[in-house]
Amino acid sequence: MCPSTPTATSTADPVVVRVTGRVLPADVPRLCAELSAKLGDRGDPEAVCDMGGLTRADLTAVDAVARLHLTARRLGCALRLRDTPAELTALLHLVGLGTLTRGAQTPDTS
């Protein structure tokens, strides 16, 4: 299961959804509901999806990112990926979702 932890403490902080572990298909609707609930009526221009804890980059993780992106857009918000593993970035590009990784920070591996 893919637990997530809220980190937004005020309206000045961006909404953050953390993805950790391996994303299972059953996690995707829950992650979207979490993002939707956190955004609520805040009117944030951007939300952050922290992918730093992802342990397996696969098509389920790609599905989660795509659905989180759509959820954010429906609520008038952009989704920015943070600490995106290189494997996930490659998969997003492969399936035509590479634009979602623009400006995404990747962890320093040095």
N, C-alpha and C. Protein backbone atom coordinates (compact mmCIF):
# COMPACT_ATOMS: atom_id res chain seq x y z
N MET A 1 0.84 -1.17 0.00
CA MET A 1 0.00 0.00 0.00
C MET A 1 0.88 1.23 0.00
N CYS A 2 0.34 2.31 -0.48
CA CYS A 2 1.10 3.52 -0.67
C CYS A 2 0.61 4.60 0.29
N PRO A 3 1.18 4.70 1.49
CA PRO A 3 0.72 5.71 2.43
C PRO A 3 1.16 7.09 2.00
N SER A 4 0.43 8.10 2.43
CA SER A 4 0.82 9.46 2.14
C SER A 4 0.64 10.28 3.41
N THR A 5 1.34 11.40 3.46
CA THR A 5 1.34 12.20 4.66
C THR A 5 1.06 13.64 4.30
N PRO A 6 0.09 14.28 4.95
CA PRO A 6 -0.16 15.69 4.67
C PRO A 6 0.99 16.54 5.18
N THR A 7 1.35 17.57 4.41
CA THR A 7 2.40 18.47 4.87
C THR A 7 1.98 19.92 4.81
N ALA A 8 0.86 20.23 4.20
CA ALA A 8 0.43 21.62 4.13
C ALA A 8 -0.12 22.05 5.48
N THR A 9 0.45 23.12 6.05
CA THR A 9 -0.01 23.58 7.34
C THR A 9 -0.73 24.91 7.27
N SER A 10 -0.64 25.60 6.15
CA SER A 10 -1.36 26.85 5.98
C SER A 10 -1.62 27.05 4.50
N THR A 11 -2.43 28.06 4.21
CA THR A 11 -2.73 28.32 2.81
C THR A 11 -1.52 28.87 2.07
N ALA A 12 -0.45 29.30 2.79
CA ALA A 12 0.76 29.78 2.14
C ALA A 12 1.61 28.61 1.64
N ASP A 13 1.47 27.46 2.26
CA ASP A 13 2.21 26.27 1.86
C ASP A 13 1.44 25.55 0.76
N PRO A 14 2.16 25.00 -0.22
CA PRO A 14 1.43 24.24 -1.25
C PRO A 14 0.89 22.94 -0.67
N VAL A 15 -0.17 22.46 -1.27
CA VAL A 15 -0.70 21.15 -0.92
C VAL A 15 0.29 20.12 -1.42
N VAL A 16 0.63 19.16 -0.56
CA VAL A 16 1.59 18.12 -0.92
C VAL A 16 0.96 16.75 -0.69
N VAL A 17 1.06 15.91 -1.69
CA VAL A 17 0.68 14.51 -1.57
C VAL A 17 1.96 13.72 -1.75
N ARG A 18 2.29 12.90 -0.76
CA ARG A 18 3.50 12.09 -0.81
C ARG A 18 3.15 10.68 -1.25
N VAL A 19 3.93 10.19 -2.18
CA VAL A 19 3.77 8.81 -2.65
C VAL A 19 4.97 8.03 -2.16
N THR A 20 4.70 6.98 -1.39
CA THR A 20 5.78 6.17 -0.85
C THR A 20 5.49 4.70 -1.12
N GLY A 21 6.55 3.93 -1.17
CA GLY A 21 6.39 2.51 -1.42
C GLY A 21 6.01 2.23 -2.86
N ARG A 22 5.35 1.13 -3.04
CA ARG A 22 4.87 0.75 -4.38
C ARG A 22 3.40 1.15 -4.49
N VAL A 23 3.05 1.79 -5.59
CA VAL A 23 1.66 2.18 -5.83
C VAL A 23 0.90 0.97 -6.37
N LEU A 24 -0.17 0.63 -5.69
CA LEU A 24 -1.05 -0.45 -6.14
C LEU A 24 -2.27 0.16 -6.82
N PRO A 25 -2.94 -0.57 -7.70
CA PRO A 25 -4.12 -0.02 -8.37
C PRO A 25 -5.17 0.53 -7.41
N ALA A 26 -5.35 -0.10 -6.27
CA ALA A 26 -6.33 0.36 -5.29
C ALA A 26 -5.93 1.69 -4.64
N ASP A 27 -4.65 2.06 -4.71
CA ASP A 27 -4.17 3.31 -4.11
C ASP A 27 -4.53 4.53 -4.94
N VAL A 28 -4.70 4.36 -6.24
CA VAL A 28 -4.88 5.50 -7.14
C VAL A 28 -6.13 6.31 -6.80
N PRO A 29 -7.32 5.72 -6.66
CA PRO A 29 -8.48 6.53 -6.30
C PRO A 29 -8.33 7.22 -4.94
N ARG A 30 -7.69 6.53 -3.99
CA ARG A 30 -7.48 7.13 -2.67
C ARG A 30 -6.56 8.34 -2.75
N LEU A 31 -5.48 8.25 -3.54
CA LEU A 31 -4.58 9.38 -3.71
C LEU A 31 -5.29 10.57 -4.33
N CYS A 32 -6.13 10.30 -5.33
CA CYS A 32 -6.89 11.38 -5.97
C CYS A 32 -7.88 12.02 -5.00
N ALA A 33 -8.54 11.19 -4.20
CA ALA A 33 -9.48 11.71 -3.20
C ALA A 33 -8.73 12.55 -2.16
N GLU A 34 -7.55 12.10 -1.78
CA GLU A 34 -6.73 12.85 -0.82
C GLU A 34 -6.35 14.21 -1.39
N LEU A 35 -5.90 14.23 -2.64
CA LEU A 35 -5.55 15.50 -3.27
C LEU A 35 -6.75 16.42 -3.35
N SER A 36 -7.87 15.87 -3.75
CA SER A 36 -9.09 16.67 -3.86
C SER A 36 -9.50 17.25 -2.51
N ALA A 37 -9.43 16.44 -1.47
CA ALA A 37 -9.80 16.90 -0.14
C ALA A 37 -8.84 17.97 0.37
N LYS A 38 -7.55 17.80 0.11
CA LYS A 38 -6.57 18.78 0.56
C LYS A 38 -6.71 20.10 -0.17
N LEU A 39 -7.01 20.03 -1.47
CA LEU A 39 -7.17 21.26 -2.24
C LEU A 39 -8.45 21.98 -1.84
N GLY A 40 -9.53 21.21 -1.67
CA GLY A 40 -10.80 21.80 -1.25
C GLY A 40 -11.11 23.07 -2.00
N ASP A 41 -11.40 24.10 -1.27
CA ASP A 41 -11.72 25.41 -1.85
C ASP A 41 -10.58 26.41 -1.64
N ARG A 42 -9.38 25.90 -1.46
CA ARG A 42 -8.24 26.78 -1.18
C ARG A 42 -7.90 27.70 -2.34
N GLY A 43 -8.14 27.25 -3.56
CA GLY A 43 -7.81 28.06 -4.73
C GLY A 43 -6.32 28.11 -5.03
N ASP A 44 -5.59 27.10 -4.61
CA ASP A 44 -4.14 27.05 -4.87
C ASP A 44 -3.87 26.97 -6.36
N PRO A 45 -2.86 27.67 -6.85
CA PRO A 45 -2.51 27.56 -8.27
C PRO A 45 -1.72 26.29 -8.57
N GLU A 46 -1.13 25.69 -7.52
CA GLU A 46 -0.27 24.54 -7.74
C GLU A 46 -0.31 23.59 -6.54
N ALA A 47 -0.25 22.30 -6.83
CA ALA A 47 -0.10 21.27 -5.81
C ALA A 47 1.17 20.50 -6.14
N VAL A 48 1.72 19.84 -5.14
CA VAL A 48 2.97 19.10 -5.31
C VAL A 48 2.72 17.63 -5.03
N CYS A 49 3.24 16.80 -5.91
CA CYS A 49 3.22 15.36 -5.71
C CYS A 49 4.66 14.93 -5.48
N ASP A 50 4.97 14.59 -4.24
CA ASP A 50 6.32 14.20 -3.87
C ASP A 50 6.48 12.70 -4.14
N MET A 51 7.27 12.38 -5.15
CA MET A 51 7.48 10.99 -5.57
C MET A 51 8.76 10.39 -4.99
N GLY A 52 9.42 11.09 -4.08
CA GLY A 52 10.70 10.66 -3.55
C GLY A 52 10.69 9.31 -2.84
N GLY A 53 9.55 8.92 -2.32
CA GLY A 53 9.47 7.66 -1.60
C GLY A 53 9.01 6.49 -2.45
N LEU A 54 8.80 6.73 -3.74
CA LEU A 54 8.35 5.66 -4.64
C LEU A 54 9.43 4.59 -4.75
N THR A 55 9.06 3.34 -4.53
CA THR A 55 10.05 2.26 -4.60
C THR A 55 10.00 1.48 -5.90
N ARG A 56 8.92 1.62 -6.65
CA ARG A 56 8.83 0.90 -7.92
C ARG A 56 8.13 1.77 -8.95
N ALA A 57 8.86 2.13 -9.99
CA ALA A 57 8.29 2.91 -11.09
C ALA A 57 7.72 1.93 -12.11
N ASP A 58 6.39 1.90 -12.21
CA ASP A 58 5.74 1.02 -13.16
C ASP A 58 4.52 1.74 -13.73
N LEU A 59 3.74 1.04 -14.54
CA LEU A 59 2.60 1.69 -15.18
C LEU A 59 1.51 2.08 -14.19
N THR A 60 1.44 1.43 -13.05
CA THR A 60 0.49 1.86 -12.02
C THR A 60 0.90 3.21 -11.45
N ALA A 61 2.19 3.43 -11.27
CA ALA A 61 2.67 4.73 -10.82
C ALA A 61 2.39 5.79 -11.88
N VAL A 62 2.56 5.44 -13.14
CA VAL A 62 2.24 6.36 -14.24
C VAL A 62 0.75 6.71 -14.21
N ASP A 63 -0.09 5.71 -14.02
CA ASP A 63 -1.53 5.93 -13.93
C ASP A 63 -1.85 6.86 -12.76
N ALA A 64 -1.20 6.66 -11.63
CA ALA A 64 -1.44 7.52 -10.47
C ALA A 64 -1.08 8.97 -10.79
N VAL A 65 0.06 9.18 -11.41
CA VAL A 65 0.48 10.55 -11.76
C VAL A 65 -0.51 11.18 -12.73
N ALA A 66 -0.92 10.43 -13.74
CA ALA A 66 -1.86 10.96 -14.74
C ALA A 66 -3.20 11.32 -14.09
N ARG A 67 -3.69 10.46 -13.22
CA ARG A 67 -4.97 10.73 -12.57
C ARG A 67 -4.87 11.86 -11.55
N LEU A 68 -3.75 11.96 -10.85
CA LEU A 68 -3.55 13.09 -9.94
C LEU A 68 -3.50 14.40 -10.73
N HIS A 69 -2.85 14.37 -11.87
CA HIS A 69 -2.79 15.54 -12.73
C HIS A 69 -4.19 15.96 -13.17
N LEU A 70 -5.01 15.00 -13.60
CA LEU A 70 -6.38 15.32 -14.01
C LEU A 70 -7.22 15.83 -12.85
N THR A 71 -7.04 15.25 -11.69
CA THR A 71 -7.77 15.70 -10.50
C THR A 71 -7.42 17.15 -10.19
N ALA A 72 -6.14 17.47 -10.21
CA ALA A 72 -5.70 18.85 -9.94
C ALA A 72 -6.28 19.81 -10.98
N ARG A 73 -6.23 19.42 -12.24
CA ARG A 73 -6.75 20.30 -13.30
C ARG A 73 -8.24 20.54 -13.14
N ARG A 74 -8.99 19.50 -12.78
CA ARG A 74 -10.43 19.67 -12.56
C ARG A 74 -10.71 20.69 -11.47
N LEU A 75 -9.78 20.81 -10.53
CA LEU A 75 -9.95 21.75 -9.43
C LEU A 75 -9.25 23.08 -9.69
N GLY A 76 -8.80 23.29 -10.93
CA GLY A 76 -8.19 24.55 -11.32
C GLY A 76 -6.78 24.74 -10.81
N CYS A 77 -6.07 23.66 -10.66
CA CYS A 77 -4.74 23.69 -10.06
C CYS A 77 -3.76 22.91 -10.95
N ALA A 78 -2.53 23.34 -10.96
CA ALA A 78 -1.47 22.59 -11.67
C ALA A 78 -0.85 21.61 -10.69
N LEU A 79 -0.32 20.51 -11.23
CA LEU A 79 0.37 19.52 -10.41
C LEU A 79 1.83 19.52 -10.77
N ARG A 80 2.69 19.69 -9.77
CA ARG A 80 4.13 19.66 -9.98
C ARG A 80 4.68 18.41 -9.29
N LEU A 81 5.51 17.67 -10.00
CA LEU A 81 6.14 16.50 -9.41
C LEU A 81 7.44 16.92 -8.74
N ARG A 82 7.73 16.28 -7.61
CA ARG A 82 8.96 16.58 -6.88
C ARG A 82 9.68 15.26 -6.60
N ASP A 83 10.99 15.28 -6.71
CA ASP A 83 11.84 14.12 -6.44
C ASP A 83 11.39 12.90 -7.24
N THR A 84 11.17 13.12 -8.51
CA THR A 84 10.71 12.05 -9.40
C THR A 84 11.87 11.13 -9.77
N PRO A 85 11.74 9.83 -9.49
CA PRO A 85 12.81 8.90 -9.88
C PRO A 85 13.00 8.90 -11.40
N ALA A 86 14.23 8.71 -11.82
CA ALA A 86 14.55 8.71 -13.25
C ALA A 86 13.74 7.66 -14.01
N GLU A 87 13.50 6.51 -13.39
CA GLU A 87 12.73 5.45 -14.06
C GLU A 87 11.30 5.90 -14.34
N LEU A 88 10.70 6.63 -13.39
CA LEU A 88 9.34 7.12 -13.60
C LEU A 88 9.32 8.21 -14.66
N THR A 89 10.30 9.09 -14.63
CA THR A 89 10.40 10.13 -15.65
C THR A 89 10.48 9.50 -17.04
N ALA A 90 11.29 8.47 -17.18
CA ALA A 90 11.42 7.78 -18.48
C ALA A 90 10.10 7.17 -18.91
N LEU A 91 9.40 6.52 -17.98
CA LEU A 91 8.09 5.93 -18.32
C LEU A 91 7.08 7.00 -18.72
N LEU A 92 7.06 8.12 -18.01
CA LEU A 92 6.14 9.20 -18.36
C LEU A 92 6.41 9.71 -19.77
N HIS A 93 7.68 9.85 -20.12
CA HIS A 93 8.03 10.26 -21.49
C HIS A 93 7.61 9.20 -22.50
N LEU A 94 7.82 7.95 -22.16
CA LEU A 94 7.50 6.85 -23.07
C LEU A 94 6.01 6.80 -23.43
N VAL A 95 5.15 7.09 -22.45
CA VAL A 95 3.71 7.02 -22.70
C VAL A 95 3.11 8.37 -23.12
N GLY A 96 3.97 9.35 -23.36
CA GLY A 96 3.48 10.64 -23.86
C GLY A 96 3.08 11.62 -22.78
N LEU A 97 3.49 11.38 -21.54
CA LEU A 97 3.16 12.29 -20.43
C LEU A 97 4.40 13.01 -19.91
N GLY A 98 5.39 13.15 -20.76
CA GLY A 98 6.64 13.79 -20.35
C GLY A 98 6.48 15.23 -19.93
N THR A 99 5.45 15.91 -20.43
CA THR A 99 5.25 17.31 -20.06
C THR A 99 4.92 17.45 -18.58
N LEU A 100 4.45 16.38 -17.95
CA LEU A 100 4.14 16.45 -16.52
C LEU A 100 5.40 16.55 -15.68
N THR A 101 6.55 16.21 -16.26
CA THR A 101 7.79 16.23 -15.49
C THR A 101 8.56 17.54 -15.67
N ARG A 102 8.03 18.47 -16.43
CA ARG A 102 8.72 19.75 -16.60
C ARG A 102 8.87 20.42 -15.25
N GLY A 103 10.08 20.82 -14.97
CA GLY A 103 10.34 21.49 -13.70
C GLY A 103 10.41 20.54 -12.53
N ALA A 104 10.23 19.26 -12.77
CA ALA A 104 10.30 18.30 -11.67
C ALA A 104 11.74 18.17 -11.19
N GLN A 105 11.89 18.16 -9.90
CA GLN A 105 13.21 17.99 -9.31
C GLN A 105 13.46 16.52 -9.12
N THR A 106 14.65 16.10 -9.44
CA THR A 106 15.01 14.71 -9.19
C THR A 106 16.01 14.67 -8.06
N PRO A 107 16.03 13.61 -7.30
CA PRO A 107 16.97 13.53 -6.19
C PRO A 107 18.40 13.54 -6.67
N ASP A 108 19.28 14.13 -5.89
CA ASP A 108 20.69 14.15 -6.20
C ASP A 108 21.27 12.78 -5.91
N THR A 109 21.86 12.17 -6.91
CA THR A 109 22.40 10.81 -6.73
C THR A 109 23.92 10.82 -6.58
N SER A 110 24.50 12.00 -6.40
CA SER A 110 25.97 12.07 -6.26
C SER A 110 26.40 11.83 -4.84
